[in-house]
Amino acid sequence: MRRLALMFLTVLAALVACGGPSATAPSTAPTTKAPITADQAAYLDGLREINPGLVMNTDRAIRRATNICLDIEEGMTEPEVVRSTVARLSGSNATIDAPQAAQAVELAKRHICEK
């Protein structure tokens, strides 16, 4: 019994020293997102027309568009960029085919690349 009480006091002292249990809990506050530019909004609107699931996470959609631009800058051929885009954009919220990926590539070129 004495050992249990000592262990309890040790844990309690540690919690008090570090500010209590909430001091180590992850924050549940919403993260601040960067403002969306007009070009990014146009890109997201175009993606939404292709498949609404593509814009469930706007930050991720914009990051993926940036990756499409990097593929182009690295010299990938158009068919390679389209294949890469199918793989990149298809996932849990949406699945796209090659013609839809080609539309997404054109949107990225027009609204994201070199902006």
Protein backbone atom coordinates (compact mmCIF):
# COMPACT_ATOMS: atom_id res chain seq x y z
CA MET A 1 0.00 0.00 0.00
CA ARG A 2 2.80 2.38 0.86
CA ARG A 3 4.53 1.63 -2.46
CA LEU A 4 1.29 2.40 -4.35
CA ALA A 5 0.88 5.71 -2.52
CA LEU A 6 4.50 6.65 -3.27
CA MET A 7 4.03 5.81 -6.96
CA PHE A 8 0.83 7.90 -7.05
CA LEU A 9 2.58 10.89 -5.48
CA THR A 10 5.50 10.56 -7.92
CA VAL A 11 3.14 10.58 -10.91
CA LEU A 12 1.17 13.47 -9.46
CA ALA A 13 4.36 15.48 -8.88
CA ALA A 14 5.46 14.83 -12.46
CA LEU A 15 2.11 15.99 -13.82
CA VAL A 16 2.21 19.15 -11.75
CA ALA A 17 5.80 19.86 -12.80
CA CYS A 18 4.98 19.66 -16.50
CA GLY A 19 1.77 21.62 -16.29
CA GLY A 20 -0.73 18.78 -15.93
CA PRO A 21 -2.09 16.30 -18.42
CA SER A 22 -3.19 18.92 -20.93
CA ALA A 23 0.35 20.23 -21.34
CA THR A 24 1.34 17.12 -23.27
CA ALA A 25 -1.94 16.61 -25.14
CA PRO A 26 -1.95 17.44 -28.84
CA SER A 27 -3.59 20.68 -29.80
CA THR A 28 -7.11 20.46 -31.17
CA ALA A 29 -7.10 24.05 -32.39
CA PRO A 30 -7.72 24.40 -36.11
CA THR A 31 -4.61 24.94 -38.18
CA THR A 32 -4.23 28.22 -39.98
CA LYS A 33 -4.30 27.79 -43.73
CA ALA A 34 -2.53 30.12 -46.09
CA PRO A 35 -4.93 32.32 -48.06
CA ILE A 36 -5.84 30.92 -51.46
CA THR A 37 -4.84 33.05 -54.44
CA ALA A 38 -7.17 33.72 -57.37
CA ASP A 39 -5.17 31.31 -59.55
CA GLN A 40 -5.33 28.60 -56.89
CA ALA A 41 -9.08 29.14 -56.54
CA ALA A 42 -9.51 28.81 -60.30
CA TYR A 43 -7.46 25.60 -60.24
CA LEU A 44 -9.57 24.20 -57.40
CA ASP A 45 -12.80 25.15 -59.19
CA GLY A 46 -11.61 23.33 -62.29
CA LEU A 47 -10.69 20.25 -60.25
CA ARG A 48 -14.10 20.35 -58.57
CA GLU A 49 -15.70 20.14 -62.02
CA ILE A 50 -13.59 17.08 -62.85
CA ASN A 51 -14.36 15.35 -59.56
CA PRO A 52 -15.45 17.03 -56.30
CA GLY A 53 -13.41 14.52 -54.30
CA LEU A 54 -10.23 16.05 -55.70
CA VAL A 55 -10.70 19.17 -53.57
CA MET A 56 -11.73 17.62 -50.26
CA ASN A 57 -8.39 18.85 -48.92
CA THR A 58 -7.52 22.09 -50.71
CA ASP A 59 -3.98 22.32 -49.30
CA ARG A 60 -3.20 18.82 -50.54
CA ALA A 61 -4.76 19.56 -53.95
CA ILE A 62 -2.53 22.61 -54.37
CA ARG A 63 0.57 20.69 -53.23
CA ARG A 64 -0.21 18.00 -55.79
CA ALA A 65 -0.57 20.64 -58.49
CA THR A 66 2.87 21.92 -57.56
CA ASN A 67 4.17 18.37 -58.00
CA ILE A 68 2.56 18.22 -61.45
CA CYS A 69 4.48 21.39 -62.32
CA LEU A 70 7.71 19.80 -61.04
CA ASP A 71 7.10 16.76 -63.27
CA ILE A 72 6.78 19.10 -66.25
CA GLU A 73 9.87 21.10 -65.28
CA GLU A 74 11.89 17.89 -64.91
CA GLY A 75 11.18 17.10 -68.56
CA MET A 76 8.62 14.33 -68.26
CA THR A 77 6.70 13.74 -71.46
CA GLU A 78 3.00 14.62 -71.55
CA PRO A 79 1.91 10.93 -71.32
CA GLU A 80 4.27 10.44 -68.36
CA VAL A 81 2.87 13.51 -66.59
CA VAL A 82 -0.68 12.28 -67.20
CA ARG A 83 0.12 8.79 -65.84
CA SER A 84 1.81 10.34 -62.82
CA THR A 85 -1.19 12.61 -62.28
CA VAL A 86 -3.63 9.69 -62.37
CA ALA A 87 -1.61 8.02 -59.61
CA ARG A 88 -1.08 11.26 -57.67
CA LEU A 89 -4.70 12.43 -57.67
CA SER A 90 -6.45 9.08 -57.31
CA GLY A 91 -6.89 7.99 -53.75
CA SER A 92 -9.32 7.86 -50.90
CA ASN A 93 -11.60 10.72 -51.99
CA ALA A 94 -11.45 10.40 -55.78
CA THR A 95 -10.38 8.17 -58.61
CA ILE A 96 -9.64 9.68 -62.00
CA ASP A 97 -8.78 8.35 -65.43
CA ALA A 98 -6.27 9.55 -68.03
CA PRO A 99 -8.59 12.08 -69.75
CA GLN A 100 -9.47 13.61 -66.38
CA ALA A 101 -5.78 13.68 -65.41
CA ALA A 102 -4.99 15.47 -68.68
CA GLN A 103 -7.59 18.11 -67.74
CA ALA A 104 -5.97 18.46 -64.30
CA VAL A 105 -2.54 18.87 -65.91
CA GLU A 106 -3.87 21.64 -68.17
CA LEU A 107 -5.44 23.35 -65.16
CA ALA A 108 -2.13 23.14 -63.25
CA LYS A 109 -0.24 24.56 -66.23
CA ARG A 110 -2.68 27.45 -66.56
CA HIS A 111 -3.13 28.33 -62.89
CA ILE A 112 -0.28 26.96 -60.79
CA CYS A 113 2.92 26.44 -62.79
CA GLU A 114 5.18 29.51 -62.98
CA LYS A 115 2.82 31.65 -60.89
